[in-house]
Protein backbone atom coordinates (compact mmCIF):
# COMPACT_ATOMS: atom_id res chain seq x y z
CA MET A 1 -25.90 14.63 3.32
CA THR A 2 -26.77 16.47 0.11
CA ALA A 3 -29.27 15.98 -2.67
CA GLU A 4 -27.89 14.64 -5.92
CA PRO A 5 -27.66 17.22 -8.70
CA ALA A 6 -29.62 16.89 -11.89
CA GLY A 7 -27.76 14.77 -14.39
CA ALA A 8 -25.92 12.68 -11.81
CA ASP A 9 -27.17 9.11 -11.99
CA VAL A 10 -26.96 7.08 -8.80
CA PRO A 11 -26.84 3.34 -9.56
CA THR A 12 -29.20 1.18 -7.57
CA GLU A 13 -29.35 -2.47 -6.67
CA GLU A 14 -31.82 -2.97 -9.52
CA THR A 15 -29.16 -2.02 -12.09
CA GLY A 16 -26.69 -4.49 -10.66
CA LEU A 17 -24.00 -1.81 -10.44
CA ALA A 18 -21.77 -1.06 -7.51
CA SER A 19 -23.32 1.56 -5.27
CA LEU A 20 -20.79 4.33 -5.87
CA LEU A 21 -20.25 4.24 -9.64
CA ARG A 22 -22.15 7.13 -11.16
CA GLY A 23 -22.68 8.80 -14.47
CA SER A 24 -23.33 12.47 -15.10
CA ALA A 25 -24.97 13.82 -18.24
CA GLU A 26 -23.43 17.23 -17.62
CA PRO A 27 -19.84 18.22 -16.76
CA LEU A 28 -19.06 17.77 -13.07
CA SER A 29 -18.16 21.47 -12.85
CA GLN A 30 -21.84 22.18 -13.54
CA ALA A 31 -23.33 19.28 -11.58
CA TYR A 32 -21.59 20.21 -8.30
CA ASP A 33 -21.22 23.65 -6.76
CA VAL A 34 -17.88 23.25 -4.93
CA ALA A 35 -14.83 21.13 -5.68
CA LEU A 36 -13.01 20.15 -2.49
CA LEU A 37 -9.61 19.47 -4.01
CA ASP A 38 -6.71 17.60 -2.52
CA LEU A 39 -3.37 19.15 -3.44
CA ASP A 40 -0.33 16.85 -3.68
CA GLY A 41 -0.91 14.39 -6.50
CA VAL A 42 -3.94 16.29 -7.76
CA VAL A 43 -2.90 19.90 -8.38
CA TYR A 44 0.84 19.54 -7.96
CA VAL A 45 3.50 16.92 -7.35
CA GLY A 46 6.27 18.33 -5.20
CA PRO A 47 7.39 21.66 -6.65
CA SER A 48 5.65 21.24 -10.04
CA ALA A 49 2.06 21.55 -11.19
CA VAL A 50 0.39 18.44 -12.56
CA PRO A 51 0.31 18.94 -16.36
CA GLY A 52 -2.96 20.58 -17.37
CA ALA A 53 -4.18 21.09 -13.79
CA PRO A 54 -4.02 24.91 -13.67
CA GLU A 55 -5.83 25.19 -16.98
CA ALA A 56 -8.54 22.72 -15.96
CA LEU A 57 -9.12 24.49 -12.65
CA ALA A 58 -9.35 27.89 -14.32
CA LYS A 59 -11.96 26.55 -16.74
CA ALA A 60 -13.92 24.89 -13.93
CA ALA A 61 -13.95 28.15 -12.00
CA GLY A 62 -15.05 29.93 -15.16
CA THR A 63 -18.17 27.75 -15.31
CA GLY A 64 -19.12 28.88 -11.79
CA MET A 65 -17.68 26.01 -9.77
CA GLN A 66 -16.15 27.17 -6.50
CA LEU A 67 -12.68 25.79 -5.81
CA ALA A 68 -11.43 24.92 -2.32
CA PHE A 69 -8.13 23.23 -1.57
CA VAL A 70 -8.38 20.74 1.28
CA THR A 71 -5.17 19.20 2.58
CA ASN A 72 -4.00 16.93 5.37
CA ASN A 73 -0.77 18.93 5.39
CA ALA A 74 -0.56 20.73 8.76
CA SER A 75 2.98 22.01 8.35
CA ARG A 76 2.28 24.99 6.05
CA THR A 77 0.02 28.03 6.42
CA PRO A 78 -2.88 28.60 4.02
CA ALA A 79 -1.12 31.74 2.79
CA ALA A 80 2.02 29.79 1.88
CA ILE A 81 0.00 27.13 0.06
CA ALA A 82 -2.05 29.77 -1.78
CA ALA A 83 1.15 31.50 -2.88
CA GLN A 84 2.44 28.24 -4.37
CA LEU A 85 -0.86 27.70 -6.19
CA ALA A 86 -0.85 31.25 -7.52
CA GLY A 87 2.66 30.63 -8.82
CA PHE A 88 1.23 27.82 -10.95
CA GLY A 89 -1.55 30.08 -12.23
CA VAL A 90 -4.20 28.37 -10.09
CA PRO A 91 -6.89 30.82 -8.92
CA ALA A 92 -6.57 30.63 -5.12
CA GLY A 93 -6.20 32.83 -2.07
CA ALA A 94 -5.48 31.92 1.54
CA ALA A 95 -9.22 31.78 2.29
CA ASP A 96 -9.59 29.03 -0.32
CA VAL A 97 -7.18 26.69 1.50
CA ILE A 98 -8.46 24.47 4.32
CA THR A 99 -5.84 22.50 6.26
CA SER A 100 -5.97 19.71 8.80
CA ALA A 101 -4.31 22.12 11.24
CA GLN A 102 -7.36 24.37 11.00
CA ALA A 103 -9.73 21.41 11.34
CA ALA A 104 -7.87 20.21 14.44
CA ALA A 105 -7.99 23.70 15.96
CA THR A 106 -11.72 23.94 15.28
CA LEU A 107 -12.21 20.54 16.90
CA LEU A 108 -10.29 21.70 19.98
CA ALA A 109 -12.26 24.95 20.20
CA SER A 110 -15.55 23.04 20.06
CA ARG A 111 -14.73 21.36 23.38
CA LEU A 112 -12.35 23.64 25.26
CA VAL A 113 -13.00 26.90 27.09
CA PRO A 114 -11.63 29.96 25.23
CA GLY A 115 -8.10 30.73 26.36
CA SER A 116 -7.36 27.12 27.32
CA ALA A 117 -3.76 26.03 27.06
CA VAL A 118 -3.03 23.58 24.22
CA LEU A 119 0.35 21.89 23.94
CA VAL A 120 1.28 22.07 20.25
CA ILE A 121 3.60 19.48 18.71
CA GLY A 122 4.26 20.56 15.15
CA SER A 123 4.73 23.58 12.96
CA THR A 124 4.18 27.30 13.34
CA ALA A 125 1.16 26.86 11.08
CA LEU A 126 -0.46 24.59 13.66
CA ARG A 127 0.27 27.06 16.47
CA ILE A 128 -1.27 29.87 14.42
CA ALA A 129 -4.41 27.83 13.75
CA VAL A 130 -4.80 27.10 17.48
CA ARG A 131 -4.32 30.76 18.39
CA GLU A 132 -6.77 31.94 15.71
CA ARG A 133 -9.50 29.89 17.39
CA GLY A 134 -9.07 31.56 20.74
CA LEU A 135 -6.83 28.99 22.41
CA ARG A 136 -3.35 29.45 23.94
CA PRO A 137 -0.50 27.44 22.41
CA VAL A 138 2.08 26.17 24.90
CA SER A 139 5.14 23.95 24.64
CA THR A 140 5.47 22.18 27.98
CA ALA A 141 3.41 19.92 30.18
CA LEU A 142 4.29 22.22 33.09
CA ASP A 143 1.64 24.62 31.71
CA ARG A 144 -0.97 21.94 32.51
CA PRO A 145 -2.58 22.04 29.04
CA ALA A 146 -6.16 20.94 28.53
CA ALA A 147 -5.18 19.25 25.27
CA VAL A 148 -2.26 18.13 23.16
CA VAL A 149 -2.44 18.58 19.39
CA GLN A 150 0.12 16.93 17.12
CA GLY A 151 0.86 17.60 13.46
CA TYR A 152 3.76 16.82 11.18
CA ALA A 153 6.76 19.14 11.00
CA PRO A 154 10.33 18.25 9.99
CA GLY A 155 11.66 19.51 13.32
CA VAL A 156 9.48 17.39 15.60
CA GLY A 157 11.79 15.64 18.04
CA TYR A 158 11.92 13.66 21.24
CA SER A 159 11.71 16.65 23.58
CA GLN A 160 8.35 17.71 22.12
CA LEU A 161 7.00 14.16 22.17
CA LEU A 162 8.17 13.81 25.77
CA GLU A 163 6.18 16.90 26.83
CA GLY A 164 3.15 15.70 24.91
CA GLY A 165 3.31 12.28 26.49
CA LEU A 166 3.52 13.74 29.98
CA ALA A 167 0.51 15.97 29.30
CA VAL A 168 -1.62 13.17 27.85
CA ARG A 169 -0.76 10.89 30.76
CA ALA A 170 -1.85 13.70 33.10
CA GLY A 171 -5.26 13.80 31.43
CA ALA A 172 -4.91 16.17 28.45
CA TRP A 173 -7.14 15.46 25.46
CA PHE A 174 -5.04 14.03 22.60
CA VAL A 175 -5.86 15.39 19.11
CA ALA A 176 -4.03 14.85 15.81
CA SER A 177 -4.16 16.92 12.64
CA ASN A 178 -3.98 13.76 10.55
CA ALA A 179 -2.84 10.16 10.78
CA ASP A 180 -1.09 9.64 7.45
CA ALA A 181 1.41 6.85 8.07
CA THR A 182 3.76 8.04 5.32
CA LEU A 183 4.76 11.19 3.52
CA PRO A 184 6.00 11.31 -0.10
CA THR A 185 9.22 13.28 -0.55
CA PRO A 186 11.82 13.70 -3.33
CA ARG A 187 13.99 11.19 -1.44
CA GLY A 188 11.19 8.64 -1.21
CA ILE A 189 8.47 7.65 1.24
CA GLN A 190 9.23 8.76 4.79
CA PRO A 191 7.34 8.41 8.11
CA GLY A 192 4.38 10.76 8.38
CA ASN A 193 2.40 12.16 11.28
CA GLY A 194 0.57 8.88 11.79
CA ALA A 195 3.87 7.14 12.53
CA LEU A 196 5.00 9.86 14.94
CA LEU A 197 1.65 9.77 16.76
CA GLN A 198 2.39 6.24 17.86
CA VAL A 199 5.18 7.42 20.16
CA ILE A 200 2.71 9.12 22.50
CA ALA A 201 -0.08 6.62 21.85
CA TYR A 202 2.16 3.66 22.71
CA ALA A 203 3.62 5.34 25.79
CA THR A 204 0.26 6.46 27.21
CA GLY A 205 -2.23 3.92 25.88
CA GLN A 206 -4.29 6.82 24.47
CA GLN A 207 -5.11 7.00 20.76
CA PRO A 208 -5.70 10.52 19.42
CA VAL A 209 -8.89 11.92 17.95
CA VAL A 210 -7.98 12.65 14.32
CA ALA A 211 -9.21 15.72 12.43
CA GLY A 212 -7.82 15.06 8.95
CA LYS A 213 -8.90 12.76 6.13
CA PRO A 214 -10.47 10.26 6.13
CA GLU A 215 -12.09 11.39 9.40
CA PRO A 216 -15.06 13.77 9.08
CA PRO A 217 -13.82 16.96 10.84
CA LEU A 218 -11.74 18.26 7.91
CA HIS A 219 -14.61 17.69 5.49
CA ALA A 220 -17.00 19.45 7.88
CA GLU A 221 -14.58 22.39 8.11
CA ALA A 222 -14.42 22.61 4.32
CA VAL A 223 -18.19 22.48 3.86
CA ALA A 224 -18.76 25.08 6.57
CA ARG A 225 -16.13 27.41 5.13
CA THR A 226 -17.37 27.15 1.53
CA GLY A 227 -21.11 26.90 2.16
CA ALA A 228 -21.22 23.93 -0.22
CA HIS A 229 -24.60 22.39 -0.98
CA ARG A 230 -23.36 19.81 -3.52
CA PRO A 231 -19.66 19.26 -2.77
CA LEU A 232 -17.46 17.06 -4.93
CA VAL A 233 -14.39 15.64 -3.18
CA VAL A 234 -11.48 15.38 -5.63
CA GLY A 235 -8.42 13.36 -4.73
CA ASP A 236 -5.75 10.89 -5.75
CA ARG A 237 -5.79 8.58 -2.71
CA LEU A 238 -8.39 5.94 -1.97
CA ASP A 239 -7.45 5.65 1.71
CA THR A 240 -7.80 9.36 2.56
CA ASP A 241 -9.67 11.41 -0.04
CA ILE A 242 -12.14 8.80 -1.25
CA GLU A 243 -12.68 6.99 2.04
CA GLY A 244 -13.29 10.35 3.68
CA ALA A 245 -15.94 11.19 1.08
CA VAL A 246 -17.63 7.80 1.52
CA ARG A 247 -17.81 8.30 5.29
CA VAL A 248 -19.80 11.54 4.90
CA ARG A 249 -21.80 10.33 1.87
CA ALA A 250 -20.29 12.94 -0.43
CA ALA A 251 -19.66 12.41 -4.14
CA SER A 252 -16.01 11.93 -5.09
CA LEU A 253 -13.76 12.03 -8.14
CA LEU A 254 -10.56 9.98 -8.21
CA VAL A 255 -7.87 11.30 -10.54
CA LEU A 256 -4.99 9.08 -11.61
CA THR A 257 -2.19 11.65 -11.35
CA GLY A 258 -1.01 10.71 -7.86
CA ILE A 259 -0.87 7.78 -5.48
CA SER A 260 -3.73 5.43 -6.41
CA ARG A 261 -3.33 3.50 -9.64
CA PRO A 262 -5.88 1.79 -11.92
CA ALA A 263 -5.33 -1.58 -10.23
CA ASP A 264 -5.95 0.00 -6.82
CA VAL A 265 -9.35 1.35 -7.80
CA VAL A 266 -10.45 -1.89 -9.47
CA LEU A 267 -9.54 -3.75 -6.26
CA ALA A 268 -10.85 -1.02 -3.92
CA ARG A 269 -12.87 -2.18 -0.94
CA PRO A 270 -16.43 -0.81 -0.68
CA ASP A 271 -15.59 2.05 1.69
CA GLN A 272 -12.90 3.35 -0.69
CA ARG A 273 -14.75 3.33 -4.02
CA PRO A 274 -15.07 6.67 -5.83
CA SER A 275 -18.19 8.02 -7.47
CA TYR A 276 -16.35 9.11 -10.61
CA LEU A 277 -13.04 8.36 -12.34
CA ALA A 278 -10.82 10.56 -14.51
CA ALA A 279 -7.28 10.53 -15.80
CA ASP A 280 -6.72 14.06 -14.46
CA LEU A 281 -8.53 17.27 -13.52
CA ALA A 282 -9.87 17.65 -17.04
CA GLY A 283 -12.47 15.20 -15.74
CA LEU A 284 -14.16 18.15 -14.02
CA LEU A 285 -15.01 19.60 -17.41
CA GLU A 286 -16.58 16.54 -18.99
CA PRO A 287 -19.78 14.48 -18.71
CA HIS A 288 -19.20 11.03 -17.24
CA PRO A 289 -20.83 8.14 -19.07
CA ALA A 290 -22.80 5.72 -16.96
CA VAL A 291 -21.86 2.05 -16.84
CA THR A 292 -24.68 -0.16 -18.09
CA ARG A 293 -25.37 -3.83 -17.39
CA GLN A 294 -25.76 -6.02 -20.46
CA PRO A 295 -25.50 -9.52 -18.95
CA PRO A 296 -23.03 -10.99 -18.55
CA ALA A 297 -21.04 -7.82 -19.21
CA PHE A 298 -20.70 -4.32 -17.76
CA CYS A 299 -20.37 -1.75 -20.53
CA CYS A 300 -19.08 1.80 -20.79
CA GLY A 301 -18.30 3.64 -24.01
CA GLY A 302 -16.84 1.10 -26.41
CA TRP A 303 -15.77 -1.34 -23.68
CA ARG A 304 -17.25 -4.52 -22.18
CA ALA A 305 -15.96 -6.14 -18.97
CA HIS A 306 -17.06 -9.57 -17.83
CA SER A 307 -15.94 -12.67 -15.96
CA GLY A 308 -14.15 -15.28 -18.02
CA HIS A 309 -12.19 -18.54 -17.79
CA GLY A 310 -14.57 -20.04 -15.26
CA GLY A 311 -14.52 -16.97 -13.03
CA THR A 312 -10.73 -16.94 -12.67
CA GLU A 313 -10.19 -13.84 -14.80
CA LEU A 314 -11.92 -10.56 -15.66
CA SER A 315 -11.92 -9.98 -19.41
CA LEU A 316 -12.10 -6.62 -21.16
CA ASP A 317 -13.09 -6.25 -24.81
CA GLY A 318 -13.55 -3.23 -27.04
CA ALA A 319 -11.86 0.08 -27.74
CA GLY A 320 -12.15 3.79 -27.08
CA ASP A 321 -11.35 6.01 -24.12
CA PRO A 322 -9.33 3.84 -21.72
CA VAL A 323 -11.00 5.55 -18.73
CA ASP A 324 -14.32 4.16 -19.98
CA GLY A 325 -12.69 0.72 -20.01
CA LEU A 326 -11.55 1.24 -16.44
CA ARG A 327 -15.07 2.27 -15.42
CA ALA A 328 -16.50 -0.92 -16.93
CA LEU A 329 -13.78 -3.03 -15.30
CA CYS A 330 -14.46 -1.45 -11.90
CA ALA A 331 -18.17 -2.19 -12.14
CA ALA A 332 -17.49 -5.80 -13.07
CA ALA A 333 -14.95 -6.27 -10.27
CA TRP A 334 -17.10 -4.53 -7.67
CA SER A 335 -19.99 -6.87 -8.49
CA MET A 336 -17.90 -9.90 -7.51
CA ASP A 337 -17.08 -11.25 -4.06
CA GLN A 338 -13.38 -11.98 -4.56
CA VAL A 339 -11.08 -10.32 -7.11
CA SER A 340 -7.29 -10.56 -7.11
CA LEU A 341 -4.61 -8.62 -8.95
CA ASP A 342 -3.79 -11.67 -11.06
CA MET A 343 -7.42 -11.81 -12.23
CA ILE A 344 -7.31 -8.27 -13.63
CA ARG A 345 -3.77 -8.03 -15.05
CA PRO A 346 -4.73 -8.97 -18.64
CA ALA A 347 -7.62 -6.48 -18.66
CA LEU A 348 -5.47 -3.66 -17.29
CA ALA A 349 -2.82 -4.38 -19.91
CA ARG A 350 -5.43 -3.80 -22.61
CA LEU A 351 -6.12 -0.31 -21.30
CA GLY A 352 -2.54 0.89 -21.60
CA PRO A 353 -1.28 3.94 -19.66
CA LEU A 354 -3.98 5.94 -17.87
CA ARG A 355 -1.85 8.39 -15.94
CA HIS A 356 0.88 10.96 -16.43
């Protein structure tokens, strides 16, 4: 969808590298014009900033990179999220925050007549987003809504789901802000919007159209709002942030401060492989060395990754920045047909800790 910036090397089949591993001779904050940043696990974890994240973002912005914060969270308003970011010292205003609630409302407005009734299951933030796009939020199927939109909120209960199910069965278009199956909380992993969606889907036989990651509407909303020409998607989850970037052919940076771990990225399936890897958001400020093929090994920095023990193990030799070792290991694993966790355990152990 966008031309590659100067300095960003796109591996080809001739190099023998996996299609999404890239190198950049210049810092990513200079190679890409807008960073589309996930929030939880990237900028903050719960109530606390990820160590070093505010400083890295301030420096990236200082180089001219535009920052936008793109979240599947539909339960909070952009203003509330921006206030939290500002409290961490992150340069952000409400206009810099793009939520799945806004993407869902835009999706609804693209199909519905202005003023149409939309049954909202979710938070006040979702109702506001619907209203801001010229639609009329309602709470009951008796209003004969043209659509039902569902997003996560702690207070969602059976009475709301009942009204939504009646409306969908009567022909209302079913839209979801996001389909995340789970939600991380201080008490542990709890059911997310994707789990709650299944109540109406199971009862009506209708699956919702999803606006949030990894589906394209939220990315399209972010690009339209920022005017990005060379966006870089930055996230901590392979199954939302990175898969969403792959679907729209956007470059992506996976940081290891949140959900996805080194083993996950080495074993990532093709549609969830990032373009770049970094331990944290400081990766925006650095060049990214390319992985080279020196048969039978894949090399990056001072590391060499290759198949060993008759193809039953991936070996890693060398020293230096452990992220370079992970890059080499990813390239080696992605070049093979079948790789298991047992095959990469010894190599991962050599890298040591890669995350906060």
